[in-house]
N, C-alpha and C. Protein backbone atom coordinates (compact mmCIF):
# COMPACT_ATOMS: atom_id res chain seq x y z
N MET A 1 99.82 92.35 122.37
CA MET A 1 99.75 91.00 122.85
C MET A 1 101.14 90.39 122.80
N ALA A 2 102.07 90.89 123.56
CA ALA A 2 103.42 90.34 123.59
C ALA A 2 103.37 88.91 124.07
N SER A 3 104.23 88.10 123.49
CA SER A 3 104.22 86.68 123.82
C SER A 3 105.61 86.13 123.71
N LYS A 4 105.87 85.04 124.43
CA LYS A 4 107.16 84.36 124.34
C LYS A 4 107.06 83.14 123.46
N LYS A 5 105.95 82.99 122.74
CA LYS A 5 105.80 81.86 121.83
C LYS A 5 106.88 81.88 120.78
N PHE A 6 107.29 80.72 120.35
CA PHE A 6 108.20 80.65 119.22
C PHE A 6 107.61 79.81 118.11
N LYS A 7 106.39 79.31 118.32
CA LYS A 7 105.70 78.54 117.30
C LYS A 7 104.21 78.91 117.33
N ILE A 8 103.66 79.13 116.15
CA ILE A 8 102.23 79.40 116.02
C ILE A 8 101.68 78.34 115.08
N PRO A 9 101.07 77.28 115.60
CA PRO A 9 100.51 76.25 114.71
C PRO A 9 99.39 76.84 113.84
N LEU A 10 99.40 76.48 112.56
CA LEU A 10 98.40 76.98 111.64
C LEU A 10 96.99 76.67 112.12
N GLY A 11 96.76 75.46 112.60
CA GLY A 11 95.42 75.09 113.09
C GLY A 11 94.95 75.99 114.22
N ASP A 12 95.86 76.31 115.15
CA ASP A 12 95.50 77.21 116.25
C ASP A 12 95.16 78.61 115.72
N ALA A 13 95.95 79.07 114.75
CA ALA A 13 95.70 80.40 114.18
C ALA A 13 94.35 80.44 113.48
N LEU A 14 94.05 79.40 112.71
CA LEU A 14 92.76 79.36 112.00
C LEU A 14 91.59 79.27 112.95
N ASN A 15 91.72 78.52 114.04
CA ASN A 15 90.66 78.44 115.05
C ASN A 15 90.43 79.79 115.72
N LYS A 16 91.52 80.48 116.04
CA LYS A 16 91.39 81.80 116.66
C LYS A 16 90.72 82.77 115.69
N LEU A 17 91.09 82.69 114.43
CA LEU A 17 90.47 83.54 113.41
C LEU A 17 88.97 83.25 113.31
N LYS A 18 88.62 81.99 113.20
CA LYS A 18 87.21 81.60 113.08
C LYS A 18 86.40 82.08 114.29
N ASN A 19 86.95 81.89 115.48
CA ASN A 19 86.25 82.28 116.71
C ASN A 19 86.15 83.79 116.88
N SER A 20 87.02 84.54 116.21
CA SER A 20 87.01 86.00 116.35
C SER A 20 85.85 86.64 115.57
N GLY A 21 85.41 85.96 114.49
CA GLY A 21 84.38 86.54 113.64
C GLY A 21 84.91 87.65 112.73
N ASN A 22 86.22 87.85 112.73
CA ASN A 22 86.85 88.89 111.91
C ASN A 22 87.56 88.27 110.71
N GLU A 23 88.03 89.13 109.81
CA GLU A 23 88.79 88.66 108.65
C GLU A 23 90.26 88.48 108.98
N PHE A 24 90.73 89.07 110.07
CA PHE A 24 92.12 88.89 110.50
C PHE A 24 92.16 88.87 112.02
N VAL A 25 93.25 88.30 112.53
CA VAL A 25 93.45 88.30 113.97
C VAL A 25 94.94 88.40 114.25
N GLU A 26 95.29 89.22 115.25
CA GLU A 26 96.68 89.34 115.68
C GLU A 26 97.04 88.12 116.51
N LEU A 27 98.22 87.55 116.25
CA LEU A 27 98.64 86.32 116.91
C LEU A 27 99.88 86.48 117.77
N PHE A 28 100.76 87.40 117.40
CA PHE A 28 102.06 87.46 118.06
C PHE A 28 102.69 88.82 117.82
N THR A 29 103.35 89.36 118.84
CA THR A 29 104.15 90.57 118.68
C THR A 29 105.49 90.37 119.37
N HIS A 30 106.50 91.00 118.81
CA HIS A 30 107.82 91.03 119.43
C HIS A 30 108.57 92.21 118.81
N GLY A 31 108.93 93.19 119.62
CA GLY A 31 109.55 94.39 119.08
C GLY A 31 108.62 95.01 118.05
N SER A 32 109.13 95.26 116.86
CA SER A 32 108.29 95.86 115.81
C SER A 32 107.50 94.82 115.02
N LEU A 33 107.77 93.54 115.26
CA LEU A 33 107.11 92.47 114.51
C LEU A 33 105.69 92.23 115.02
N LEU A 34 104.74 92.17 114.08
CA LEU A 34 103.36 91.79 114.38
C LEU A 34 102.98 90.70 113.39
N VAL A 35 102.48 89.56 113.90
CA VAL A 35 102.06 88.45 113.06
C VAL A 35 100.55 88.31 113.15
N GLU A 36 99.91 88.21 111.98
CA GLU A 36 98.46 88.03 111.89
C GLU A 36 98.16 86.89 110.92
N ILE A 37 96.93 86.44 110.96
CA ILE A 37 96.39 85.54 109.93
C ILE A 37 95.21 86.29 109.32
N TYR A 38 95.06 86.19 107.99
CA TYR A 38 94.07 87.00 107.28
C TYR A 38 93.33 86.14 106.27
N LYS A 39 91.99 86.24 106.31
CA LYS A 39 91.13 85.54 105.36
C LYS A 39 90.00 86.49 104.96
N PRO A 40 90.20 87.24 103.87
CA PRO A 40 89.13 88.16 103.46
C PRO A 40 87.90 87.41 102.99
N ASN A 41 86.76 88.03 103.16
CA ASN A 41 85.48 87.44 102.79
C ASN A 41 84.98 88.08 101.50
N GLU A 42 85.22 87.46 100.37
CA GLU A 42 84.78 87.88 99.04
C GLU A 42 85.50 89.10 98.48
N VAL A 43 85.71 90.14 99.29
CA VAL A 43 86.36 91.36 98.82
C VAL A 43 87.43 91.77 99.82
N ASP A 44 88.59 92.15 99.33
CA ASP A 44 89.68 92.64 100.17
C ASP A 44 89.59 94.16 100.21
N ASN A 45 89.19 94.70 101.35
CA ASN A 45 89.00 96.15 101.49
C ASN A 45 90.15 96.83 102.22
N GLN A 46 91.34 96.28 102.13
CA GLN A 46 92.48 96.86 102.83
C GLN A 46 92.79 98.27 102.35
N LYS A 47 93.34 99.03 103.24
CA LYS A 47 93.89 100.35 102.95
C LYS A 47 95.40 100.25 103.13
N PRO A 48 96.17 101.18 102.57
CA PRO A 48 97.61 101.15 102.78
C PRO A 48 97.96 101.15 104.27
N HIS A 49 99.04 100.46 104.60
CA HIS A 49 99.47 100.35 106.00
C HIS A 49 100.68 101.25 106.23
N SER A 50 100.90 101.59 107.48
CA SER A 50 101.97 102.54 107.82
C SER A 50 103.34 101.87 107.99
N ARG A 51 103.37 100.53 107.96
CA ARG A 51 104.64 99.81 108.11
C ARG A 51 104.80 98.82 106.96
N ASP A 52 106.03 98.39 106.72
CA ASP A 52 106.28 97.37 105.71
C ASP A 52 105.55 96.09 106.10
N GLU A 53 105.22 95.29 105.08
CA GLU A 53 104.37 94.11 105.30
C GLU A 53 104.81 92.98 104.36
N VAL A 54 104.75 91.76 104.89
CA VAL A 54 105.02 90.57 104.10
C VAL A 54 103.85 89.62 104.26
N TYR A 55 103.37 89.06 103.14
CA TYR A 55 102.35 88.02 103.16
C TYR A 55 103.02 86.71 102.78
N VAL A 56 102.62 85.62 103.44
CA VAL A 56 103.01 84.27 103.04
C VAL A 56 101.70 83.51 102.85
N VAL A 57 101.40 83.16 101.61
CA VAL A 57 100.12 82.54 101.27
C VAL A 57 100.07 81.11 101.82
N VAL A 58 99.06 80.84 102.62
CA VAL A 58 98.85 79.51 103.21
C VAL A 58 98.09 78.62 102.24
N SER A 59 96.96 79.12 101.75
CA SER A 59 96.11 78.32 100.86
C SER A 59 95.35 79.25 99.93
N GLY A 60 94.87 78.67 98.85
CA GLY A 60 94.09 79.43 97.88
C GLY A 60 94.98 80.08 96.83
N SER A 61 94.32 80.72 95.89
CA SER A 61 95.03 81.39 94.81
C SER A 61 94.20 82.57 94.36
N GLY A 62 94.80 83.41 93.53
CA GLY A 62 94.11 84.58 93.02
C GLY A 62 95.10 85.54 92.42
N GLU A 63 94.75 86.82 92.47
CA GLU A 63 95.61 87.86 91.94
C GLU A 63 95.91 88.86 93.05
N PHE A 64 97.14 89.36 93.05
CA PHE A 64 97.57 90.37 94.01
C PHE A 64 97.93 91.62 93.24
N ILE A 65 97.39 92.76 93.69
CA ILE A 65 97.67 94.03 93.05
C ILE A 65 98.49 94.87 94.02
N LEU A 66 99.64 95.34 93.53
CA LEU A 66 100.49 96.25 94.29
C LEU A 66 100.69 97.47 93.41
N GLU A 67 100.08 98.60 93.85
CA GLU A 67 100.08 99.83 93.05
C GLU A 67 99.48 99.51 91.68
N ASP A 68 100.25 99.57 90.60
CA ASP A 68 99.71 99.31 89.27
C ASP A 68 100.20 97.99 88.69
N GLU A 69 100.75 97.12 89.55
CA GLU A 69 101.25 95.83 89.09
C GLU A 69 100.35 94.71 89.60
N ARG A 70 100.03 93.76 88.73
CA ARG A 70 99.16 92.64 89.07
C ARG A 70 99.95 91.35 88.87
N THR A 71 99.83 90.42 89.85
CA THR A 71 100.50 89.13 89.74
C THR A 71 99.60 88.03 90.28
N VAL A 72 99.75 86.85 89.76
CA VAL A 72 99.01 85.67 90.24
C VAL A 72 99.75 85.12 91.45
N PHE A 73 99.00 84.67 92.47
CA PHE A 73 99.62 84.06 93.64
C PHE A 73 99.02 82.69 93.91
N SER A 74 99.78 81.86 94.63
CA SER A 74 99.34 80.52 95.02
C SER A 74 100.02 80.16 96.34
N PRO A 75 99.65 79.02 96.96
CA PRO A 75 100.21 78.65 98.25
C PRO A 75 101.74 78.63 98.24
N GLY A 76 102.30 79.19 99.31
CA GLY A 76 103.74 79.22 99.48
C GLY A 76 104.38 80.50 98.96
N ASP A 77 103.65 81.29 98.17
CA ASP A 77 104.21 82.54 97.65
C ASP A 77 104.40 83.56 98.77
N VAL A 78 105.43 84.36 98.62
CA VAL A 78 105.73 85.45 99.53
C VAL A 78 105.55 86.76 98.77
N LEU A 79 104.80 87.69 99.35
CA LEU A 79 104.50 88.98 98.72
C LEU A 79 104.93 90.09 99.66
N PHE A 80 105.70 91.05 99.16
CA PHE A 80 106.16 92.18 99.95
C PHE A 80 105.41 93.44 99.56
N VAL A 81 105.02 94.23 100.58
CA VAL A 81 104.33 95.50 100.36
C VAL A 81 105.05 96.58 101.18
N PRO A 82 105.62 97.58 100.50
CA PRO A 82 106.25 98.66 101.26
C PRO A 82 105.18 99.52 101.95
N ALA A 83 105.57 100.12 103.05
CA ALA A 83 104.65 100.99 103.80
C ALA A 83 104.04 102.04 102.88
N GLY A 84 102.73 102.25 103.03
CA GLY A 84 102.02 103.28 102.29
C GLY A 84 101.55 102.88 100.91
N ALA A 85 101.90 101.69 100.43
CA ALA A 85 101.54 101.28 99.07
C ALA A 85 100.10 100.76 99.00
N GLU A 86 99.39 101.16 97.96
CA GLU A 86 98.06 100.62 97.68
C GLU A 86 98.23 99.15 97.28
N HIS A 87 97.42 98.29 97.87
CA HIS A 87 97.51 96.87 97.54
C HIS A 87 96.21 96.16 97.92
N ARG A 88 95.97 95.01 97.27
CA ARG A 88 94.78 94.22 97.59
C ARG A 88 94.86 92.88 96.86
N PHE A 89 94.06 91.96 97.37
CA PHE A 89 93.89 90.65 96.74
C PHE A 89 92.59 90.70 95.95
N GLU A 90 92.60 90.11 94.75
CA GLU A 90 91.39 90.05 93.92
C GLU A 90 91.25 88.66 93.33
N ASN A 91 90.02 88.34 92.94
CA ASN A 91 89.72 87.07 92.26
C ASN A 91 90.30 85.87 93.00
N PHE A 92 90.24 85.92 94.33
CA PHE A 92 90.80 84.84 95.13
C PHE A 92 89.76 83.76 95.42
N THR A 93 90.25 82.54 95.62
CA THR A 93 89.39 81.40 95.90
C THR A 93 88.84 81.49 97.32
N ASP A 94 87.76 80.75 97.57
CA ASP A 94 87.11 80.77 98.89
C ASP A 94 88.03 80.31 100.01
N ASN A 95 89.01 79.47 99.68
CA ASN A 95 89.90 78.93 100.72
C ASN A 95 91.17 79.77 100.92
N PHE A 96 91.20 80.98 100.37
CA PHE A 96 92.39 81.83 100.50
C PHE A 96 92.61 82.25 101.94
N VAL A 97 93.83 81.98 102.43
CA VAL A 97 94.29 82.39 103.76
C VAL A 97 95.76 82.77 103.63
N THR A 98 96.17 83.81 104.34
CA THR A 98 97.58 84.21 104.31
C THR A 98 98.05 84.66 105.70
N TRP A 99 99.32 84.33 105.98
CA TRP A 99 99.99 84.91 107.13
C TRP A 99 100.31 86.36 106.75
N VAL A 100 100.33 87.25 107.73
CA VAL A 100 100.69 88.64 107.52
C VAL A 100 101.74 89.01 108.57
N PHE A 101 102.83 89.63 108.10
CA PHE A 101 103.90 90.06 109.00
C PHE A 101 104.15 91.55 108.78
N PHE A 102 103.86 92.36 109.80
CA PHE A 102 104.20 93.78 109.79
C PHE A 102 105.49 93.93 110.58
N TYR A 103 106.36 94.83 110.13
CA TYR A 103 107.62 95.02 110.85
C TYR A 103 108.18 96.40 110.54
N GLY A 104 109.14 96.79 111.35
CA GLY A 104 109.89 98.01 111.12
C GLY A 104 109.18 99.25 111.59
N PRO A 105 109.79 100.40 111.32
CA PRO A 105 109.26 101.67 111.80
C PRO A 105 108.06 102.14 110.98
N GLU A 106 107.31 103.07 111.58
CA GLU A 106 106.24 103.75 110.84
C GLU A 106 106.88 104.40 109.61
N GLY A 107 106.22 104.28 108.46
CA GLY A 107 106.77 104.83 107.23
C GLY A 107 107.66 103.87 106.47
N GLY A 108 107.94 102.71 107.08
CA GLY A 108 108.75 101.70 106.42
C GLY A 108 110.24 101.89 106.60
N GLU A 109 110.98 100.86 106.24
CA GLU A 109 112.43 100.92 106.31
C GLU A 109 112.97 101.67 105.12
N LYS A 110 114.08 102.33 105.29
CA LYS A 110 114.69 103.12 104.22
C LYS A 110 115.73 102.32 103.49
């Protein structure tokens, strides 16, 4: 879904997510960059991804697990996940929503 947009309003992203019926929706691509919005429903069932990933927490709080490390997150936090790493959100509030940014080559940047 290549686009020339340079702004993605949060309200528009949340409406698109709600209307999709999914836990995430792709919003923008440019080169290797892919932007999504993600709102897991009770359980985060993610599997490791093939590219590097950055989360920017929009709302809610909880715990983020990256491999064997656990950290608390809240709105505004930025979380980095290298390609192939086991990760998930746990004990998150009902209002948890995060931007997701995938970028770079398959296998991650070196």
